[in-house]
Amino acid sequence: MKECVRLAGLLCCGMSFILLVAMGLDKRRARADRRRVPERTLFLLALLFGAPGGLLGMYAFRHKTKHWYFVLGFWLLAAVQLGALGYFAYRTM
């Protein structure tokens, strides 16, 4: 069970990093008036355990912070994902 929690934590870190990079890339493309990363893709990455990185990217790059559905959605997803990781980590101690 500890291995599962460790793998879930690594998955969360990896997906968070990918979403952080995607948010930065999307912001850069928005400023350059180039083809953007679709919002659907950003939300999909957040659903796949990347919400903490998405939150970090939102505020680090000041990107998508005016879209209420991004702010609310990413906060809720991050709370659920980190809460679940914390719960399972606590249960396996």
PDB file of N, CA and C in Angstrom:
ATOM      1  N   MET A   1       0.814  -1.196   0.000  1.00  0.00           N
ATOM      2  CA  MET A   1       0.000   0.000   0.000  1.00  0.00           C
ATOM      3  C   MET A   1       0.861   1.264   0.000  1.00  0.00           C
ATOM      4  N   LYS A   2       2.010   1.224   0.713  1.00  0.00           N
ATOM      5  CA  LYS A   2       2.890   2.388   0.735  1.00  0.00           C
ATOM      6  C   LYS A   2       3.418   2.703  -0.660  1.00  0.00           C
ATOM      7  N   GLU A   3       3.670   1.671  -1.438  1.00  0.00           N
ATOM      8  CA  GLU A   3       4.140   1.883  -2.804  1.00  0.00           C
ATOM      9  C   GLU A   3       3.083   2.583  -3.651  1.00  0.00           C
ATOM     10  N   CYS A   4       1.827   2.231  -3.451  1.00  0.00           N
ATOM     11  CA  CYS A   4       0.737   2.876  -4.195  1.00  0.00           C
ATOM     12  C   CYS A   4       0.658   4.361  -3.865  1.00  0.00           C
ATOM     13  N   VAL A   5       0.799   4.686  -2.590  1.00  0.00           N
ATOM     14  CA  VAL A   5       0.766   6.091  -2.171  1.00  0.00           C
ATOM     15  C   VAL A   5       1.965   6.832  -2.750  1.00  0.00           C
ATOM     16  N   ARG A   6       3.118   6.198  -2.721  1.00  0.00           N
ATOM     17  CA  ARG A   6       4.322   6.814  -3.280  1.00  0.00           C
ATOM     18  C   ARG A   6       4.163   7.048  -4.783  1.00  0.00           C
ATOM     19  N   LEU A   7       3.632   6.066  -5.486  1.00  0.00           N
ATOM     20  CA  LEU A   7       3.409   6.221  -6.925  1.00  0.00           C
ATOM     21  C   LEU A   7       2.378   7.308  -7.219  1.00  0.00           C
ATOM     22  N   ALA A   8       1.320   7.372  -6.413  1.00  0.00           N
ATOM     23  CA  ALA A   8       0.313   8.419  -6.596  1.00  0.00           C
ATOM     24  C   ALA A   8       0.928   9.795  -6.355  1.00  0.00           C
ATOM     25  N   GLY A   9       1.792   9.901  -5.379  1.00  0.00           N
ATOM     26  CA  GLY A   9       2.479  11.168  -5.119  1.00  0.00           C
ATOM     27  C   GLY A   9       3.383  11.571  -6.266  1.00  0.00           C
ATOM     28  N   LEU A  10       4.107  10.604  -6.810  1.00  0.00           N
ATOM     29  CA  LEU A  10       4.967  10.884  -7.966  1.00  0.00           C
ATOM     30  C   LEU A  10       4.136  11.269  -9.190  1.00  0.00           C
ATOM     31  N   LEU A  11       3.000  10.592  -9.379  1.00  0.00           N
ATOM     32  CA  LEU A  11       2.102  10.934 -10.485  1.00  0.00           C
ATOM     33  C   LEU A  11       1.606  12.367 -10.336  1.00  0.00           C
ATOM     34  N   CYS A  12       1.219  12.728  -9.134  1.00  0.00           N
ATOM     35  CA  CYS A  12       0.727  14.080  -8.867  1.00  0.00           C
ATOM     36  C   CYS A  12       1.825  15.113  -9.130  1.00  0.00           C
ATOM     37  N   CYS A  13       3.033  14.836  -8.692  1.00  0.00           N
ATOM     38  CA  CYS A  13       4.150  15.758  -8.936  1.00  0.00           C
ATOM     39  C   CYS A  13       4.457  15.884 -10.425  1.00  0.00           C
ATOM     40  N   GLY A  14       4.488  14.761 -11.111  1.00  0.00           N
ATOM     41  CA  GLY A  14       4.786  14.781 -12.543  1.00  0.00           C
ATOM     42  C   GLY A  14       3.729  15.498 -13.358  1.00  0.00           C
ATOM     43  N   MET A  15       2.463  15.190 -13.092  1.00  0.00           N
ATOM     44  CA  MET A  15       1.384  15.840 -13.826  1.00  0.00           C
ATOM     45  C   MET A  15       1.294  17.322 -13.467  1.00  0.00           C
ATOM     46  N   SER A  16       1.597  17.653 -12.223  1.00  0.00           N
ATOM     47  CA  SER A  16       1.604  19.056 -11.818  1.00  0.00           C
ATOM     48  C   SER A  16       2.678  19.827 -12.574  1.00  0.00           C
ATOM     49  N   PHE A  17       3.844  19.212 -12.726  1.00  0.00           N
ATOM     50  CA  PHE A  17       4.917  19.861 -13.474  1.00  0.00           C
ATOM     51  C   PHE A  17       4.514  20.061 -14.936  1.00  0.00           C
ATOM     52  N   ILE A  18       3.906  19.040 -15.523  1.00  0.00           N
ATOM     53  CA  ILE A  18       3.475  19.140 -16.926  1.00  0.00           C
ATOM     54  C   ILE A  18       2.445  20.257 -17.088  1.00  0.00           C
ATOM     55  N   LEU A  19       1.490  20.343 -16.165  1.00  0.00           N
ATOM     56  CA  LEU A  19       0.476  21.391 -16.268  1.00  0.00           C
ATOM     57  C   LEU A  19       1.080  22.768 -15.997  1.00  0.00           C
ATOM     58  N   LEU A  20       2.027  22.869 -15.093  1.00  0.00           N
ATOM     59  CA  LEU A  20       2.709  24.138 -14.846  1.00  0.00           C
ATOM     60  C   LEU A  20       3.391  24.625 -16.121  1.00  0.00           C
ATOM     61  N   VAL A  21       4.078  23.730 -16.805  1.00  0.00           N
ATOM     62  CA  VAL A  21       4.746  24.078 -18.064  1.00  0.00           C
ATOM     63  C   VAL A  21       3.705  24.447 -19.121  1.00  0.00           C
ATOM     64  N   ALA A  22       2.601  23.706 -19.195  1.00  0.00           N
ATOM     65  CA  ALA A  22       1.554  24.001 -20.176  1.00  0.00           C
ATOM     66  C   ALA A  22       0.933  25.376 -19.932  1.00  0.00           C
ATOM     67  N   MET A  23       0.745  25.740 -18.662  1.00  0.00           N
ATOM     68  CA  MET A  23       0.192  27.058 -18.351  1.00  0.00           C
ATOM     69  C   MET A  23       1.166  28.164 -18.775  1.00  0.00           C
ATOM     70  N   GLY A  24       2.450  27.961 -18.523  1.00  0.00           N
ATOM     71  CA  GLY A  24       3.453  28.938 -18.948  1.00  0.00           C
ATOM     72  C   GLY A  24       3.529  29.055 -20.458  1.00  0.00           C
ATOM     73  N   LEU A  25       3.466  27.920 -21.127  1.00  0.00           N
ATOM     74  CA  LEU A  25       3.480  27.915 -22.586  1.00  0.00           C
ATOM     75  C   LEU A  25       2.254  28.615 -23.151  1.00  0.00           C
ATOM     76  N   ASP A  26       1.094  28.354 -22.576  1.00  0.00           N
ATOM     77  CA  ASP A  26      -0.135  28.993 -23.048  1.00  0.00           C
ATOM     78  C   ASP A  26      -0.076  30.502 -22.841  1.00  0.00           C
ATOM     79  N   LYS A  27       0.454  30.940 -21.714  1.00  0.00           N
ATOM     80  CA  LYS A  27       0.583  32.380 -21.453  1.00  0.00           C
ATOM     81  C   LYS A  27       1.524  33.025 -22.463  1.00  0.00           C
ATOM     82  N   ARG A  28       2.635  32.355 -22.737  1.00  0.00           N
ATOM     83  CA  ARG A  28       3.595  32.883 -23.716  1.00  0.00           C
ATOM     84  C   ARG A  28       2.963  32.982 -25.097  1.00  0.00           C
ATOM     85  N   ARG A  29       2.215  31.952 -25.480  1.00  0.00           N
ATOM     86  CA  ARG A  29       1.550  31.967 -26.777  1.00  0.00           C
ATOM     87  C   ARG A  29       0.451  33.025 -26.838  1.00  0.00           C
ATOM     88  N   ALA A  30      -0.229  33.256 -25.727  1.00  0.00           N
ATOM     89  CA  ALA A  30      -1.277  34.280 -25.692  1.00  0.00           C
ATOM     90  C   ALA A  30      -0.678  35.664 -25.925  1.00  0.00           C
ATOM     91  N   ARG A  31       0.449  35.927 -25.307  1.00  0.00           N
ATOM     92  CA  ARG A  31       1.100  37.221 -25.488  1.00  0.00           C
ATOM     93  C   ARG A  31       1.613  37.413 -26.910  1.00  0.00           C
ATOM     94  N   ALA A  32       2.038  36.324 -27.545  1.00  0.00           N
ATOM     95  CA  ALA A  32       2.572  36.397 -28.900  1.00  0.00           C
ATOM     96  C   ALA A  32       1.487  36.262 -29.956  1.00  0.00           C
ATOM     97  N   ASP A  33       0.242  36.151 -29.525  1.00  0.00           N
ATOM     98  CA  ASP A  33      -0.907  35.989 -30.428  1.00  0.00           C
ATOM     99  C   ASP A  33      -0.723  34.785 -31.355  1.00  0.00           C
ATOM    100  N   ARG A  34      -0.298  33.665 -30.752  1.00  0.00           N
ATOM    101  CA  ARG A  34      -0.106  32.417 -31.481  1.00  0.00           C
ATOM    102  C   ARG A  34      -1.150  31.407 -31.052  1.00  0.00           C
ATOM    103  N   ARG A  35      -1.108  30.235 -31.683  1.00  0.00           N
ATOM    104  CA  ARG A  35      -2.059  29.166 -31.371  1.00  0.00           C
ATOM    105  C   ARG A  35      -1.907  28.741 -29.918  1.00  0.00           C
ATOM    106  N   ARG A  36      -3.038  28.653 -29.207  1.00  0.00           N
ATOM    107  CA  ARG A  36      -3.049  28.426 -27.768  1.00  0.00           C
ATOM    108  C   ARG A  36      -3.263  26.969 -27.414  1.00  0.00           C
ATOM    109  N   VAL A  37      -2.956  26.647 -26.157  1.00  0.00           N
ATOM    110  CA  VAL A  37      -3.279  25.329 -25.597  1.00  0.00           C
ATOM    111  C   VAL A  37      -4.772  25.367 -25.276  1.00  0.00           C
ATOM    112  N   PRO A  38      -5.552  24.422 -25.788  1.00  0.00           N
ATOM    113  CA  PRO A  38      -7.001  24.451 -25.527  1.00  0.00           C
ATOM    114  C   PRO A  38      -7.323  24.347 -24.037  1.00  0.00           C
ATOM    115  N   GLU A  39      -8.370  25.069 -23.617  1.00  0.00           N
ATOM    116  CA  GLU A  39      -8.794  25.022 -22.214  1.00  0.00           C
ATOM    117  C   GLU A  39      -9.154  23.602 -21.802  1.00  0.00           C
ATOM    118  N   ARG A  40      -9.716  22.852 -22.720  1.00  0.00           N
ATOM    119  CA  ARG A  40     -10.074  21.461 -22.439  1.00  0.00           C
ATOM    120  C   ARG A  40      -8.838  20.647 -22.054  1.00  0.00           C
ATOM    121  N   THR A  41      -7.729  20.889 -22.725  1.00  0.00           N
ATOM    122  CA  THR A  41      -6.487  20.188 -22.423  1.00  0.00           C
ATOM    123  C   THR A  41      -5.969  20.562 -21.037  1.00  0.00           C
ATOM    124  N   LEU A  42      -6.049  21.837 -20.702  1.00  0.00           N
ATOM    125  CA  LEU A  42      -5.608  22.282 -19.384  1.00  0.00           C
ATOM    126  C   LEU A  42      -6.447  21.634 -18.284  1.00  0.00           C
ATOM    127  N   PHE A  43      -7.765  21.575 -18.488  1.00  0.00           N
ATOM    128  CA  PHE A  43      -8.618  20.937 -17.493  1.00  0.00           C
ATOM    129  C   PHE A  43      -8.383  19.433 -17.429  1.00  0.00           C
ATOM    130  N   LEU A  44      -8.114  18.802 -18.561  1.00  0.00           N
ATOM    131  CA  LEU A  44      -7.840  17.367 -18.563  1.00  0.00           C
ATOM    132  C   LEU A  44      -6.575  17.062 -17.765  1.00  0.00           C
ATOM    133  N   LEU A  45      -5.540  17.859 -17.958  1.00  0.00           N
ATOM    134  CA  LEU A  45      -4.311  17.672 -17.190  1.00  0.00           C
ATOM    135  C   LEU A  45      -4.554  17.895 -15.699  1.00  0.00           C
ATOM    136  N   ALA A  46      -5.426  18.842 -15.380  1.00  0.00           N
ATOM    137  CA  ALA A  46      -5.760  19.081 -13.969  1.00  0.00           C
ATOM    138  C   ALA A  46      -6.513  17.889 -13.389  1.00  0.00           C
ATOM    139  N   LEU A  47      -7.411  17.316 -14.159  1.00  0.00           N
ATOM    140  CA  LEU A  47      -8.154  16.140 -13.696  1.00  0.00           C
ATOM    141  C   LEU A  47      -7.242  14.941 -13.475  1.00  0.00           C
ATOM    142  N   LEU A  48      -6.195  14.854 -14.267  1.00  0.00           N
ATOM    143  CA  LEU A  48      -5.255  13.736 -14.177  1.00  0.00           C
ATOM    144  C   LEU A  48      -4.169  14.018 -13.143  1.00  0.00           C
ATOM    145  N   PHE A  49      -4.581  14.539 -12.003  1.00  0.00           N
ATOM    146  CA  PHE A  49      -3.724  14.782 -10.842  1.00  0.00           C
ATOM    147  C   PHE A  49      -2.721  15.917 -11.017  1.00  0.00           C
ATOM    148  N   GLY A  50      -3.017  16.870 -11.904  1.00  0.00           N
ATOM    149  CA  GLY A  50      -2.110  17.997 -12.094  1.00  0.00           C
ATOM    150  C   GLY A  50      -2.613  19.314 -11.550  1.00  0.00           C
ATOM    151  N   ALA A  51      -3.718  19.294 -10.808  1.00  0.00           N
ATOM    152  CA  ALA A  51      -4.327  20.539 -10.329  1.00  0.00           C
ATOM    153  C   ALA A  51      -3.400  21.383  -9.448  1.00  0.00           C
ATOM    154  N   PRO A  52      -2.595  20.784  -8.552  1.00  0.00           N
ATOM    155  CA  PRO A  52      -1.703  21.639  -7.760  1.00  0.00           C
ATOM    156  C   PRO A  52      -0.726  22.438  -8.628  1.00  0.00           C
ATOM    157  N   GLY A  53      -0.193  21.823  -9.654  1.00  0.00           N
ATOM    158  CA  GLY A  53       0.694  22.536 -10.571  1.00  0.00           C
ATOM    159  C   GLY A  53      -0.044  23.567 -11.395  1.00  0.00           C
ATOM    160  N   GLY A  54      -1.307  23.271 -11.715  1.00  0.00           N
ATOM    161  CA  GLY A  54      -2.123  24.239 -12.435  1.00  0.00           C
ATOM    162  C   GLY A  54      -2.372  25.486 -11.609  1.00  0.00           C
ATOM    163  N   LEU A  55      -2.629  25.294 -10.328  1.00  0.00           N
ATOM    164  CA  LEU A  55      -2.806  26.450  -9.438  1.00  0.00           C
ATOM    165  C   LEU A  55      -1.527  27.275  -9.371  1.00  0.00           C
ATOM    166  N   LEU A  56      -0.417  26.592  -9.215  1.00  0.00           N
ATOM    167  CA  LEU A  56       0.862  27.284  -9.167  1.00  0.00           C
ATOM    168  C   LEU A  56       1.104  28.054 -10.462  1.00  0.00           C
ATOM    169  N   GLY A  57       0.812  27.425 -11.588  1.00  0.00           N
ATOM    170  CA  GLY A  57       0.982  28.081 -12.881  1.00  0.00           C
ATOM    171  C   GLY A  57       0.037  29.257 -13.077  1.00  0.00           C
ATOM    172  N   MET A  58      -1.193  29.105 -12.581  1.00  0.00           N
ATOM    173  CA  MET A  58      -2.160  30.183 -12.707  1.00  0.00           C
ATOM    174  C   MET A  58      -1.663  31.452 -12.028  1.00  0.00           C
ATOM    175  N   TYR A  59      -1.149  31.304 -10.825  1.00  0.00           N
ATOM    176  CA  TYR A  59      -0.734  32.477 -10.079  1.00  0.00           C
ATOM    177  C   TYR A  59       0.692  32.915 -10.395  1.00  0.00           C
ATOM    178  N   ALA A  60       1.567  31.999 -10.769  1.00  0.00           N
ATOM    179  CA  ALA A  60       2.941  32.364 -11.127  1.00  0.00           C
ATOM    180  C   ALA A  60       2.968  33.146 -12.434  1.00  0.00           C
ATOM    181  N   PHE A  61       2.150  32.721 -13.395  1.00  0.00           N
ATOM    182  CA  PHE A  61       2.131  33.377 -14.699  1.00  0.00           C
ATOM    183  C   PHE A  61       0.974  34.367 -14.842  1.00  0.00           C
ATOM    184  N   ARG A  62       0.167  34.514 -13.801  1.00  0.00           N
ATOM    185  CA  ARG A  62      -1.054  35.336 -13.829  1.00  0.00           C
ATOM    186  C   ARG A  62      -1.872  35.006 -15.070  1.00  0.00           C
ATOM    187  N   HIS A  63      -2.186  33.729 -15.168  1.00  0.00           N
ATOM    188  CA  HIS A  63      -2.853  33.212 -16.358  1.00  0.00           C
ATOM    189  C   HIS A  63      -4.143  32.499 -15.975  1.00  0.00           C
ATOM    190  N   LYS A  64      -5.228  32.863 -16.597  1.00  0.00           N
ATOM    191  CA  LYS A  64      -6.559  32.281 -16.398  1.00  0.00           C
ATOM    192  C   LYS A  64      -7.148  32.616 -15.029  1.00  0.00           C
ATOM    193  N   THR A  65      -6.602  33.611 -14.349  1.00  0.00           N
ATOM    194  CA  THR A  65      -7.103  33.944 -13.018  1.00  0.00           C
ATOM    195  C   THR A  65      -8.404  34.738 -13.071  1.00  0.00           C
ATOM    196  N   LYS A  66      -8.754  35.273 -14.212  1.00  0.00           N
ATOM    197  CA  LYS A  66     -10.013  36.015 -14.344  1.00  0.00           C
ATOM    198  C   LYS A  66     -11.170  35.120 -14.770  1.00  0.00           C
ATOM    199  N   HIS A  67     -10.864  33.868 -15.089  1.00  0.00           N
ATOM    200  CA  HIS A  67     -11.894  32.898 -15.464  1.00  0.00           C
ATOM    201  C   HIS A  67     -12.328  32.162 -14.205  1.00  0.00           C
ATOM    202  N   TRP A  68     -13.520  32.464 -13.720  1.00  0.00           N
ATOM    203  CA  TRP A  68     -13.973  31.904 -12.442  1.00  0.00           C
ATOM    204  C   TRP A  68     -13.981  30.379 -12.454  1.00  0.00           C
ATOM    205  N   TYR A  69     -14.311  29.777 -13.604  1.00  0.00           N
ATOM    206  CA  TYR A  69     -14.375  28.328 -13.662  1.00  0.00           C
ATOM    207  C   TYR A  69     -12.996  27.686 -13.556  1.00  0.00           C
ATOM    208  N   PHE A  70     -11.952  28.378 -13.988  1.00  0.00           N
ATOM    209  CA  PHE A  70     -10.598  27.864 -13.793  1.00  0.00           C
ATOM    210  C   PHE A  70     -10.200  27.980 -12.328  1.00  0.00           C
ATOM    211  N   VAL A  71     -10.426  29.136 -11.749  1.00  0.00           N
ATOM    212  CA  VAL A  71     -10.034  29.353 -10.356  1.00  0.00           C
ATOM    213  C   VAL A  71     -10.768  28.372  -9.440  1.00  0.00           C
ATOM    214  N   LEU A  72     -12.076  28.321  -9.563  1.00  0.00           N
ATOM    215  CA  LEU A  72     -12.864  27.428  -8.713  1.00  0.00           C
ATOM    216  C   LEU A  72     -12.543  25.957  -9.000  1.00  0.00           C
ATOM    217  N   GLY A  73     -12.498  25.604 -10.267  1.00  0.00           N
ATOM    218  CA  GLY A  73     -12.237  24.214 -10.650  1.00  0.00           C
ATOM    219  C   GLY A  73     -10.878  23.726 -10.202  1.00  0.00           C
ATOM    220  N   PHE A  74      -9.842  24.532 -10.405  1.00  0.00           N
ATOM    221  CA  PHE A  74      -8.498  24.107 -10.024  1.00  0.00           C
ATOM    222  C   PHE A  74      -8.354  24.025  -8.506  1.00  0.00           C
ATOM    223  N   TRP A  75      -8.951  24.983  -7.762  1.00  0.00           N
ATOM    224  CA  TRP A  75      -8.897  24.918  -6.303  1.00  0.00           C
ATOM    225  C   TRP A  75      -9.597  23.671  -5.781  1.00  0.00           C
ATOM    226  N   LEU A  76     -10.782  23.378  -6.321  1.00  0.00           N
ATOM    227  CA  LEU A  76     -11.517  22.187  -5.875  1.00  0.00           C
ATOM    228  C   LEU A  76     -10.760  20.905  -6.205  1.00  0.00           C
ATOM    229  N   LEU A  77     -10.265  20.816  -7.433  1.00  0.00           N
ATOM    230  CA  LEU A  77      -9.512  19.621  -7.827  1.00  0.00           C
ATOM    231  C   LEU A  77      -8.251  19.446  -6.984  1.00  0.00           C
ATOM    232  N   ALA A  78      -7.542  20.532  -6.746  1.00  0.00           N
ATOM    233  CA  ALA A  78      -6.319  20.446  -5.942  1.00  0.00           C
ATOM    234  C   ALA A  78      -6.636  20.010  -4.512  1.00  0.00           C
ATOM    235  N   ALA A  79      -7.722  20.551  -3.955  1.00  0.00           N
ATOM    236  CA  ALA A  79      -8.101  20.171  -2.593  1.00  0.00           C
ATOM    237  C   ALA A  79      -8.443  18.687  -2.521  1.00  0.00           C
ATOM    238  N   VAL A  80      -9.191  18.200  -3.487  1.00  0.00           N
ATOM    239  CA  VAL A  80      -9.569  16.784  -3.501  1.00  0.00           C
ATOM    240  C   VAL A  80      -8.337  15.902  -3.703  1.00  0.00           C
ATOM    241  N   GLN A  81      -7.492  16.263  -4.660  1.00  0.00           N
ATOM    242  CA  GLN A  81      -6.323  15.445  -4.954  1.00  0.00           C
ATOM    243  C   GLN A  81      -5.331  15.415  -3.795  1.00  0.00           C
ATOM    244  N   LEU A  82      -5.027  16.575  -3.242  1.00  0.00           N
ATOM    245  CA  LEU A  82      -4.084  16.609  -2.122  1.00  0.00           C
ATOM    246  C   LEU A  82      -4.695  16.012  -0.860  1.00  0.00           C
ATOM    247  N   GLY A  83      -5.998  16.215  -0.686  1.00  0.00           N
ATOM    248  CA  GLY A  83      -6.679  15.600   0.452  1.00  0.00           C
ATOM    249  C   GLY A  83      -6.655  14.087   0.370  1.00  0.00           C
ATOM    250  N   ALA A  84      -6.900  13.549  -0.811  1.00  0.00           N
ATOM    251  CA  ALA A  84      -6.878  12.097  -0.995  1.00  0.00           C
ATOM    252  C   ALA A  84      -5.467  11.547  -0.765  1.00  0.00           C
ATOM    253  N   LEU A  85      -4.460  12.228  -1.287  1.00  0.00           N
ATOM    254  CA  LEU A  85      -3.077  11.790  -1.055  1.00  0.00           C
ATOM    255  C   LEU A  85      -2.737  11.819   0.427  1.00  0.00           C
ATOM    256  N   GLY A  86      -3.115  12.892   1.093  1.00  0.00           N
ATOM    257  CA  GLY A  86      -2.849  12.989   2.521  1.00  0.00           C
ATOM    258  C   GLY A  86      -3.581  11.915   3.318  1.00  0.00           C
ATOM    259  N   TYR A  87      -4.827  11.663   2.953  1.00  0.00           N
ATOM    260  CA  TYR A  87      -5.611  10.631   3.648  1.00  0.00           C
ATOM    261  C   TYR A  87      -4.966   9.258   3.488  1.00  0.00           C
ATOM    262  N   PHE A  88      -4.613   8.908   2.265  1.00  0.00           N
ATOM    263  CA  PHE A  88      -4.028   7.581   2.045  1.00  0.00           C
ATOM    264  C   PHE A  88      -2.627   7.479   2.647  1.00  0.00           C
ATOM    265  N   ALA A  89      -1.880   8.562   2.642  1.00  0.00           N
ATOM    266  CA  ALA A  89      -0.571   8.546   3.285  1.00  0.00           C
ATOM    267  C   ALA A  89      -0.727   8.347   4.786  1.00  0.00           C
ATOM    268  N   TYR A  90      -1.693   9.013   5.373  1.00  0.00           N
ATOM    269  CA  TYR A  90      -1.947   8.864   6.808  1.00  0.00           C
ATOM    270  C   TYR A  90      -2.384   7.447   7.147  1.00  0.00           C
ATOM    271  N   ARG A  91      -3.237   6.866   6.305  1.00  0.00           N
ATOM    272  CA  ARG A  91      -3.764   5.515   6.555  1.00  0.00           C
ATOM    273  C   ARG A  91      -2.671   4.449   6.446  1.00  0.00           C
ATOM    274  N   THR A  92      -1.633   4.699   5.697  1.00  0.00           N
ATOM    275  CA  THR A  92      -0.587   3.688   5.505  1.00  0.00           C
ATOM    276  C   THR A  92       0.561   3.836   6.500  1.00  0.00           C
ATOM    277  N   MET A  93       0.502   4.813   7.375  1.00  0.00           N
ATOM    278  CA  MET A  93       1.577   5.000   8.367  1.00  0.00           C
ATOM    279  C   MET A  93       1.562   3.903   9.394  1.00  0.00           C
TER     280      MET A  93
END
